[in-house]
N, C-alpha and C. Protein backbone atom coordinates (compact mmCIF):
# COMPACT_ATOMS: atom_id res chain seq x y z
N MET A 1 -49.57 -7.76 -27.91
CA MET A 1 -49.37 -8.22 -29.38
C MET A 1 -50.34 -8.69 -30.02
N LYS A 2 -50.62 -7.94 -31.27
CA LYS A 2 -52.02 -7.73 -32.34
C LYS A 2 -51.60 -8.66 -33.48
N PHE A 3 -52.68 -9.74 -33.23
CA PHE A 3 -51.93 -10.76 -34.55
C PHE A 3 -52.92 -10.47 -35.92
N SER A 4 -52.66 -10.65 -37.14
CA SER A 4 -53.69 -10.53 -38.48
C SER A 4 -54.20 -11.20 -38.25
N SER A 5 -55.78 -11.31 -39.51
CA SER A 5 -56.33 -11.84 -39.49
C SER A 5 -55.74 -13.21 -39.99
N ALA A 6 -55.01 -13.22 -40.98
CA ALA A 6 -54.30 -14.71 -41.37
C ALA A 6 -53.74 -15.48 -40.45
N ALA A 7 -52.50 -14.51 -39.77
CA ALA A 7 -52.09 -15.37 -38.39
C ALA A 7 -53.26 -16.19 -37.36
N LYS A 8 -54.53 -15.33 -37.19
CA LYS A 8 -55.46 -15.41 -36.48
C LYS A 8 -55.98 -17.01 -37.20
N VAL A 9 -56.61 -17.24 -38.10
CA VAL A 9 -56.74 -18.80 -38.77
C VAL A 9 -55.35 -19.33 -38.65
N LYS A 10 -54.57 -19.15 -38.60
CA LYS A 10 -53.02 -20.03 -38.41
C LYS A 10 -52.89 -20.18 -36.97
N LEU A 11 -53.31 -19.85 -35.59
CA LEU A 11 -53.29 -19.92 -35.22
C LEU A 11 -54.10 -20.95 -34.27
N THR A 12 -55.83 -20.44 -34.57
CA THR A 12 -56.71 -21.11 -34.65
C THR A 12 -56.67 -22.53 -34.87
N VAL A 13 -55.81 -22.93 -36.27
CA VAL A 13 -55.63 -24.34 -37.05
C VAL A 13 -54.60 -24.97 -35.69
N LEU A 14 -53.34 -24.68 -35.69
CA LEU A 14 -52.33 -25.13 -34.98
C LEU A 14 -52.68 -25.20 -33.68
N SER A 15 -53.42 -24.40 -32.80
CA SER A 15 -54.02 -24.40 -31.54
C SER A 15 -55.30 -26.06 -31.62
N THR A 16 -55.55 -25.85 -32.30
CA THR A 16 -56.59 -26.96 -32.71
C THR A 16 -55.81 -28.52 -32.86
N ALA A 17 -54.97 -27.97 -33.46
CA ALA A 17 -54.21 -29.64 -34.01
C ALA A 17 -53.38 -29.90 -32.18
N VAL A 18 -53.13 -28.74 -31.81
CA VAL A 18 -51.92 -29.04 -30.52
C VAL A 18 -53.01 -29.67 -29.30
N LEU A 19 -53.86 -28.86 -29.24
CA LEU A 19 -54.83 -29.40 -28.41
C LEU A 19 -55.20 -30.83 -28.43
N PHE A 20 -55.58 -31.54 -29.71
CA PHE A 20 -56.09 -32.89 -30.15
C PHE A 20 -55.11 -33.67 -29.99
N VAL A 21 -53.78 -33.32 -29.89
CA VAL A 21 -52.90 -34.04 -29.46
C VAL A 21 -52.34 -34.24 -27.86
N TYR A 22 -52.81 -33.16 -27.05
CA TYR A 22 -52.55 -33.07 -25.94
C TYR A 22 -54.19 -34.08 -25.44
N GLU A 23 -54.80 -33.95 -25.50
CA GLU A 23 -56.42 -35.06 -25.13
C GLU A 23 -56.22 -35.71 -25.85
N CYS A 24 -55.58 -36.47 -27.28
CA CYS A 24 -55.38 -37.63 -27.17
C CYS A 24 -54.48 -38.85 -26.43
N ILE A 25 -53.11 -37.98 -25.34
CA ILE A 25 -52.38 -38.37 -24.51
C ILE A 25 -53.32 -38.73 -23.73
N TYR A 26 -53.54 -37.15 -22.77
CA TYR A 26 -54.65 -37.57 -21.80
C TYR A 26 -55.73 -38.30 -21.59
N MET A 27 -56.55 -38.74 -23.04
CA MET A 27 -57.43 -39.59 -22.33
C MET A 27 -56.82 -41.46 -22.83
N GLN A 28 -55.47 -41.29 -23.41
CA GLN A 28 -55.16 -42.59 -23.12
C GLN A 28 -54.79 -42.98 -21.78
N LEU A 29 -53.88 -41.93 -21.53
CA LEU A 29 -53.46 -41.97 -19.96
C LEU A 29 -54.53 -42.05 -18.91
N PHE A 30 -55.63 -41.47 -19.18
CA PHE A 30 -56.53 -41.30 -18.00
C PHE A 30 -57.89 -41.34 -18.16
N LYS A 31 -58.58 -41.06 -19.03
CA LYS A 31 -59.81 -41.07 -19.55
C LYS A 31 -60.52 -42.52 -20.12
N MET A 32 -59.71 -43.19 -20.75
CA MET A 32 -60.13 -44.40 -21.06
C MET A 32 -59.67 -45.18 -19.52
N GLY A 33 -59.09 -45.20 -18.78
CA GLY A 33 -58.60 -45.83 -17.16
C GLY A 33 -59.37 -46.13 -16.24
N ASP A 34 -59.06 -46.66 -15.06
CA ASP A 34 -60.18 -46.48 -14.36
C ASP A 34 -61.21 -45.28 -13.73
N PHE A 35 -60.42 -44.96 -13.62
CA PHE A 35 -60.67 -43.38 -12.77
C PHE A 35 -62.14 -42.43 -13.85
N TYR A 36 -61.86 -42.36 -14.91
CA TYR A 36 -63.02 -42.19 -15.87
C TYR A 36 -64.25 -43.10 -15.63
N GLY A 37 -63.54 -43.81 -16.02
CA GLY A 37 -64.09 -45.67 -16.06
C GLY A 37 -65.52 -45.44 -15.01
N ARG A 38 -64.76 -45.24 -13.86
CA ARG A 38 -65.72 -45.57 -12.41
C ARG A 38 -66.96 -44.62 -12.59
N GLU A 39 -66.30 -43.20 -13.04
CA GLU A 39 -66.79 -41.95 -12.86
C GLU A 39 -68.26 -41.86 -13.41
N LEU A 40 -67.66 -42.46 -14.86
CA LEU A 40 -69.09 -41.80 -15.55
C LEU A 40 -69.78 -43.16 -16.25
N SER A 41 -69.64 -44.45 -15.93
CA SER A 41 -70.02 -45.63 -16.38
C SER A 41 -71.28 -45.60 -15.97
N HIS A 42 -72.09 -45.18 -14.76
CA HIS A 42 -73.38 -44.88 -15.10
C HIS A 42 -73.87 -44.20 -15.70
N PHE A 43 -73.65 -43.27 -16.58
CA PHE A 43 -74.05 -42.57 -17.40
C PHE A 43 -73.89 -42.83 -18.72
N VAL A 44 -72.66 -42.93 -18.88
CA VAL A 44 -71.84 -42.95 -20.21
C VAL A 44 -71.08 -44.69 -20.43
N PRO A 45 -72.35 -44.90 -21.50
CA PRO A 45 -71.98 -46.62 -21.58
C PRO A 45 -70.56 -46.50 -22.19
N GLY A 46 -69.82 -48.08 -21.94
CA GLY A 46 -68.56 -47.81 -22.45
C GLY A 46 -67.39 -47.59 -21.92
N ALA A 47 -68.16 -46.19 -21.02
CA ALA A 47 -66.75 -44.91 -20.03
C ALA A 47 -65.91 -45.97 -19.80
N GLY A 48 -64.51 -46.01 -20.10
CA GLY A 48 -63.63 -46.59 -19.17
C GLY A 48 -62.65 -47.68 -19.89
N THR A 49 -63.68 -47.97 -21.15
CA THR A 49 -63.20 -49.03 -21.78
C THR A 49 -62.65 -48.73 -23.04
N PRO A 50 -61.97 -49.82 -23.36
CA PRO A 50 -61.03 -49.17 -25.18
C PRO A 50 -62.04 -49.71 -25.85
N ALA A 51 -63.08 -49.73 -25.91
CA ALA A 51 -64.16 -49.97 -27.15
C ALA A 51 -65.46 -48.32 -26.97
N TYR A 52 -64.69 -47.62 -26.15
CA TYR A 52 -65.90 -46.17 -26.26
C TYR A 52 -65.02 -45.14 -27.10
N MET A 53 -65.77 -44.50 -27.65
CA MET A 53 -65.41 -43.42 -28.73
C MET A 53 -66.29 -42.48 -28.19
N PRO A 54 -65.54 -40.99 -28.11
CA PRO A 54 -66.17 -39.68 -28.08
C PRO A 54 -66.76 -39.52 -29.35
N HIS A 55 -68.17 -39.02 -28.99
CA HIS A 55 -68.88 -38.14 -30.58
C HIS A 55 -67.33 -36.84 -31.14
N LEU A 56 -67.20 -37.84 -32.05
CA LEU A 56 -65.94 -37.08 -32.61
C LEU A 56 -66.21 -35.44 -33.37
N PRO A 57 -67.41 -35.79 -33.78
CA PRO A 57 -67.71 -34.13 -34.36
C PRO A 57 -67.98 -32.93 -33.30
N ALA A 58 -68.66 -33.24 -32.01
CA ALA A 58 -68.84 -32.60 -30.90
C ALA A 58 -67.14 -32.26 -30.21
N MET A 59 -66.32 -33.47 -30.37
CA MET A 59 -65.31 -33.03 -29.86
C MET A 59 -64.46 -32.36 -31.10
N PHE A 60 -64.12 -32.38 -32.08
CA PHE A 60 -63.33 -30.85 -32.80
C PHE A 60 -64.33 -30.04 -32.58
N GLY A 61 -65.41 -29.74 -32.49
CA GLY A 61 -66.01 -28.70 -32.26
C GLY A 61 -65.54 -27.94 -31.31
N PHE A 62 -65.88 -28.68 -30.62
CA PHE A 62 -65.43 -28.02 -28.92
C PHE A 62 -63.45 -27.75 -29.24
N TYR A 63 -62.88 -29.05 -29.60
CA TYR A 63 -61.36 -27.96 -29.71
C TYR A 63 -61.16 -26.49 -30.37
N VAL A 64 -61.82 -26.62 -31.57
CA VAL A 64 -62.04 -25.20 -32.84
C VAL A 64 -62.47 -24.16 -31.57
N VAL A 65 -63.70 -24.14 -31.27
CA VAL A 65 -64.02 -23.08 -30.07
C VAL A 65 -63.42 -22.67 -28.98
N VAL A 66 -62.24 -23.62 -28.65
CA VAL A 66 -61.50 -23.28 -27.22
C VAL A 66 -59.99 -22.58 -28.39
N ALA A 67 -59.44 -23.25 -29.39
CA ALA A 67 -58.72 -22.69 -29.93
C ALA A 67 -58.97 -20.86 -30.33
N ILE A 68 -60.33 -20.86 -30.59
CA ILE A 68 -60.45 -19.08 -31.32
C ILE A 68 -60.35 -18.46 -29.86
N ALA A 69 -61.09 -18.87 -28.45
CA ALA A 69 -60.61 -18.35 -27.61
C ALA A 69 -59.38 -18.04 -27.02
N TYR A 70 -58.39 -18.84 -27.16
CA TYR A 70 -56.94 -19.12 -26.60
C TYR A 70 -56.43 -17.82 -27.90
N VAL A 71 -56.93 -18.17 -28.94
CA VAL A 71 -56.20 -16.84 -29.94
C VAL A 71 -56.72 -15.59 -30.00
N CYS A 72 -58.18 -15.57 -29.52
CA CYS A 72 -58.78 -14.04 -28.99
C CYS A 72 -58.45 -13.38 -27.87
N PHE A 73 -58.18 -14.42 -27.21
CA PHE A 73 -58.05 -13.25 -25.55
C PHE A 73 -56.67 -14.09 -24.69
N VAL A 74 -56.24 -15.09 -24.66
CA VAL A 74 -54.62 -15.41 -24.42
C VAL A 74 -53.72 -14.87 -25.13
N TYR A 75 -53.73 -15.85 -26.35
CA TYR A 75 -52.05 -15.19 -27.01
C TYR A 75 -51.86 -13.73 -27.22
N PRO A 76 -52.87 -12.97 -27.90
CA PRO A 76 -52.18 -11.98 -27.75
C PRO A 76 -51.67 -11.04 -26.22
N GLN A 77 -51.96 -11.18 -25.07
CA GLN A 77 -51.48 -10.95 -23.86
C GLN A 77 -49.87 -12.17 -23.82
N ALA A 78 -50.11 -13.29 -23.88
CA ALA A 78 -49.15 -14.09 -23.71
C ALA A 78 -47.89 -14.37 -24.34
N ALA A 79 -48.09 -13.90 -25.55
CA ALA A 79 -47.02 -13.40 -26.50
C ALA A 79 -45.85 -12.25 -25.66
N ALA A 80 -46.90 -11.47 -25.68
CA ALA A 80 -46.38 -10.13 -25.38
C ALA A 80 -44.70 -10.28 -23.78
N HIS A 81 -45.20 -11.98 -23.04
CA HIS A 81 -44.25 -11.71 -22.19
C HIS A 81 -42.67 -13.18 -22.37
N LYS A 82 -42.00 -12.19 -21.83
CA LYS A 82 -40.88 -13.01 -21.93
C LYS A 82 -40.40 -13.90 -21.32
N SER A 83 -41.18 -14.75 -20.44
CA SER A 83 -40.30 -16.05 -19.73
C SER A 83 -42.14 -16.76 -20.25
N VAL A 84 -41.25 -18.20 -20.60
CA VAL A 84 -42.20 -19.24 -20.60
C VAL A 84 -43.28 -19.47 -19.37
N GLN A 85 -42.72 -19.42 -17.79
CA GLN A 85 -43.37 -19.10 -16.71
C GLN A 85 -44.68 -18.61 -16.98
N ASP A 86 -44.17 -17.00 -17.28
CA ASP A 86 -45.63 -16.33 -17.38
C ASP A 86 -46.65 -16.92 -18.55
N LYS A 87 -45.78 -17.08 -19.88
CA LYS A 87 -46.87 -17.44 -20.48
C LYS A 87 -47.99 -19.13 -20.46
N PHE A 88 -47.37 -19.49 -19.97
CA PHE A 88 -47.71 -20.95 -19.20
C PHE A 88 -48.70 -20.48 -17.82
N MET A 89 -48.55 -19.87 -17.29
CA MET A 89 -49.64 -19.21 -16.19
C MET A 89 -50.43 -18.16 -16.62
N ALA A 90 -50.17 -17.71 -18.19
CA ALA A 90 -51.35 -17.16 -18.61
C ALA A 90 -52.46 -17.60 -18.93
N GLY A 91 -51.86 -19.11 -20.18
CA GLY A 91 -52.77 -19.91 -20.70
C GLY A 91 -53.35 -21.17 -19.75
N ALA A 92 -53.00 -21.37 -18.26
CA ALA A 92 -53.75 -22.25 -17.51
C ALA A 92 -54.74 -21.95 -16.62
N PHE A 93 -54.24 -19.78 -16.30
CA PHE A 93 -55.06 -19.21 -15.86
C PHE A 93 -56.61 -19.55 -16.66
N PHE A 94 -56.62 -18.95 -17.97
CA PHE A 94 -57.76 -19.19 -18.36
C PHE A 94 -58.54 -20.51 -18.75
N GLY A 95 -57.57 -21.61 -19.13
CA GLY A 95 -57.63 -22.84 -18.81
C GLY A 95 -58.77 -23.17 -17.82
N LEU A 96 -58.25 -22.52 -16.58
CA LEU A 96 -58.82 -23.10 -15.27
C LEU A 96 -60.01 -22.44 -15.22
N ILE A 97 -60.45 -20.86 -15.70
CA ILE A 97 -61.65 -20.56 -16.13
C ILE A 97 -62.66 -21.15 -17.07
N LEU A 98 -62.09 -21.73 -18.23
CA LEU A 98 -62.72 -22.29 -19.06
C LEU A 98 -63.48 -23.26 -18.62
N GLY A 99 -62.44 -24.47 -18.24
CA GLY A 99 -62.79 -25.87 -16.99
C GLY A 99 -63.77 -25.94 -16.06
N ALA A 100 -63.44 -25.12 -15.39
CA ALA A 100 -64.25 -24.59 -14.07
C ALA A 100 -65.70 -24.15 -14.58
N ALA A 101 -65.87 -23.28 -15.31
CA ALA A 101 -67.20 -22.69 -16.41
C ALA A 101 -68.11 -24.66 -17.04
N MET A 102 -67.30 -25.08 -17.52
CA MET A 102 -67.73 -26.26 -18.13
C MET A 102 -68.39 -27.29 -17.28
N ASN A 103 -66.96 -27.80 -16.17
CA ASN A 103 -67.93 -28.53 -15.14
C ASN A 103 -68.70 -28.06 -13.98
N LEU A 104 -68.69 -26.73 -14.22
CA LEU A 104 -69.90 -26.21 -12.54
C LEU A 104 -70.79 -26.69 -13.58
N CYS A 105 -71.43 -26.17 -15.28
CA CYS A 105 -72.25 -26.40 -15.99
C CYS A 105 -73.07 -27.37 -15.99
N ASN A 106 -71.92 -28.91 -16.29
CA ASN A 106 -72.31 -30.10 -16.29
C ASN A 106 -72.22 -30.71 -14.81
N PHE A 107 -72.18 -30.01 -13.90
CA PHE A 107 -72.24 -30.58 -12.11
C PHE A 107 -73.78 -29.84 -12.20
N ALA A 108 -74.33 -28.89 -12.47
CA ALA A 108 -75.56 -28.00 -12.06
C ALA A 108 -76.73 -28.84 -13.12
N PHE A 109 -75.93 -29.34 -14.28
CA PHE A 109 -77.57 -29.52 -14.86
C PHE A 109 -77.15 -31.21 -14.76
N LEU A 110 -76.24 -31.54 -14.72
CA LEU A 110 -76.60 -33.32 -14.71
C LEU A 110 -76.59 -33.65 -13.23
N GLY A 111 -76.55 -32.73 -12.10
CA GLY A 111 -76.72 -33.33 -10.66
C GLY A 111 -75.76 -34.28 -10.31
N GLY A 112 -76.05 -35.28 -9.71
CA GLY A 112 -75.40 -36.60 -9.10
C GLY A 112 -75.03 -37.41 -10.20
N LEU A 113 -74.72 -37.07 -11.38
CA LEU A 113 -74.29 -37.90 -12.41
C LEU A 113 -72.61 -37.41 -12.55
N TRP A 114 -72.84 -36.01 -12.57
CA TRP A 114 -71.46 -35.39 -12.95
C TRP A 114 -70.61 -35.26 -11.41
N PRO A 115 -69.94 -36.43 -10.85
CA PRO A 115 -69.24 -36.33 -9.65
C PRO A 115 -68.41 -34.98 -9.45
N MET A 116 -68.35 -34.34 -7.83
CA MET A 116 -67.55 -33.47 -7.80
C MET A 116 -65.98 -34.29 -7.88
N SER A 117 -65.45 -35.15 -7.77
CA SER A 117 -64.18 -35.33 -8.40
C SER A 117 -64.19 -35.30 -10.00
N MET A 118 -65.05 -35.55 -10.34
CA MET A 118 -64.75 -35.36 -12.05
C MET A 118 -64.67 -33.97 -12.66
N LEU A 119 -65.44 -32.81 -11.71
CA LEU A 119 -65.65 -31.33 -11.73
C LEU A 119 -63.77 -31.25 -10.88
N ILE A 120 -63.80 -31.65 -10.07
CA ILE A 120 -61.93 -31.10 -9.78
C ILE A 120 -60.97 -31.76 -10.96
N ALA A 121 -60.91 -32.96 -10.89
CA ALA A 121 -59.73 -33.68 -11.90
C ALA A 121 -59.83 -32.79 -13.35
N ASP A 122 -60.95 -32.71 -13.52
CA ASP A 122 -61.13 -32.14 -14.87
C ASP A 122 -60.92 -30.61 -14.97
N THR A 123 -61.39 -30.21 -14.23
CA THR A 123 -61.02 -28.49 -13.66
C THR A 123 -59.20 -28.25 -13.91
N LEU A 124 -58.48 -29.23 -13.23
CA LEU A 124 -57.61 -29.10 -13.03
C LEU A 124 -56.52 -29.29 -14.38
N TRP A 125 -57.30 -30.43 -14.91
CA TRP A 125 -56.48 -30.99 -16.39
C TRP A 125 -56.73 -29.13 -17.50
N SER A 126 -57.68 -29.24 -17.42
CA SER A 126 -58.08 -27.83 -18.16
C SER A 126 -57.06 -26.36 -17.59
N SER A 127 -56.90 -26.71 -16.73
CA SER A 127 -56.17 -25.42 -16.36
C SER A 127 -54.25 -25.78 -16.82
N ALA A 128 -54.01 -27.14 -16.79
CA ALA A 128 -52.82 -27.50 -17.24
C ALA A 128 -52.85 -27.53 -18.51
N VAL A 129 -53.92 -28.21 -19.23
CA VAL A 129 -53.87 -28.08 -21.07
C VAL A 129 -53.80 -26.63 -21.25
N GLY A 130 -54.44 -25.96 -20.72
CA GLY A 130 -54.20 -24.37 -20.98
C GLY A 130 -52.46 -23.58 -20.84
N GLY A 131 -52.28 -24.58 -19.86
CA GLY A 131 -50.96 -23.75 -19.84
C GLY A 131 -49.62 -24.34 -21.06
N LEU A 132 -49.42 -25.47 -21.28
CA LEU A 132 -49.06 -26.52 -22.57
C LEU A 132 -49.82 -25.91 -23.72
N LEU A 133 -50.88 -25.53 -23.98
CA LEU A 133 -50.84 -25.50 -25.14
C LEU A 133 -50.55 -24.10 -25.56
N THR A 134 -50.51 -22.77 -24.59
CA THR A 134 -50.23 -21.82 -24.77
C THR A 134 -48.39 -21.55 -25.13
N VAL A 135 -47.73 -22.01 -24.31
CA VAL A 135 -46.60 -22.01 -24.58
C VAL A 135 -46.19 -22.73 -25.87
N THR A 136 -46.89 -24.43 -26.30
CA THR A 136 -46.29 -24.98 -27.14
C THR A 136 -46.83 -24.55 -28.26
N THR A 137 -48.20 -23.60 -28.62
CA THR A 137 -48.36 -23.00 -29.86
C THR A 137 -47.90 -21.63 -30.22
N LEU A 138 -47.21 -20.96 -28.62
CA LEU A 138 -46.68 -19.52 -29.51
C LEU A 138 -45.12 -19.92 -29.96
N ASN A 139 -44.55 -20.94 -29.15
CA ASN A 139 -43.43 -21.46 -29.56
C ASN A 139 -43.47 -21.94 -31.15
N LEU A 140 -44.12 -22.88 -31.64
CA LEU A 140 -44.30 -23.26 -32.74
C LEU A 140 -44.43 -21.92 -34.07
N ALA A 141 -45.58 -21.31 -33.82
CA ALA A 141 -45.73 -19.80 -34.41
C ALA A 141 -44.30 -19.16 -34.30
N LYS A 142 -44.08 -19.00 -33.90
CA LYS A 142 -42.58 -18.46 -33.50
C LYS A 142 -41.18 -18.96 -34.67
N ARG A 143 -41.55 -20.34 -33.84
CA ARG A 143 -40.67 -21.27 -35.06
C ARG A 143 -40.59 -21.53 -36.67
N PHE A 144 -41.96 -21.40 -36.63
CA PHE A 144 -42.37 -21.61 -38.37
C PHE A 144 -42.76 -20.22 -38.84
N LYS A 145 -42.90 -19.19 -37.91
CA LYS A 145 -42.59 -17.67 -38.22
C LYS A 145 -44.49 -18.21 -38.84
N ILE A 146 -45.41 -18.39 -37.98
CA ILE A 146 -46.90 -17.47 -38.76
C ILE A 146 -47.37 -16.52 -37.62
N ALA A 147 -46.55 -16.42 -36.55
CA ALA A 147 -47.53 -15.19 -35.91
C ALA A 147 -46.34 -14.02 -35.60
């Protein structure tokens, strides 16, 4: 399925918002908890505590870039699928690739500071959120006649 330029912009805005909501839920459930605090506190001051606040402009920029990638590379193919499972899998596969690339880069350049447990957990989350993002965004876009 091809999207118009206007639809791509709207899908990018919608995807950024949906991704932000899912990430906020994830951070509340896991990143502020014991696992992430234990794994990151040795090089991220305050990690795992309620006082920790990520760098918001960088976080927002990351979400926009990820949303653009999904709009360009995932949604056109996923929108053609009839089943929710196929849409989810298209997004989850792209999320797996994106998450693995990001986490392997962190692991390579931060060495022992980025633990293998973080690489695995964050890559799996990237895959799960990719599937959720794809299904949610395409359903909302259809409901509100965005694309």
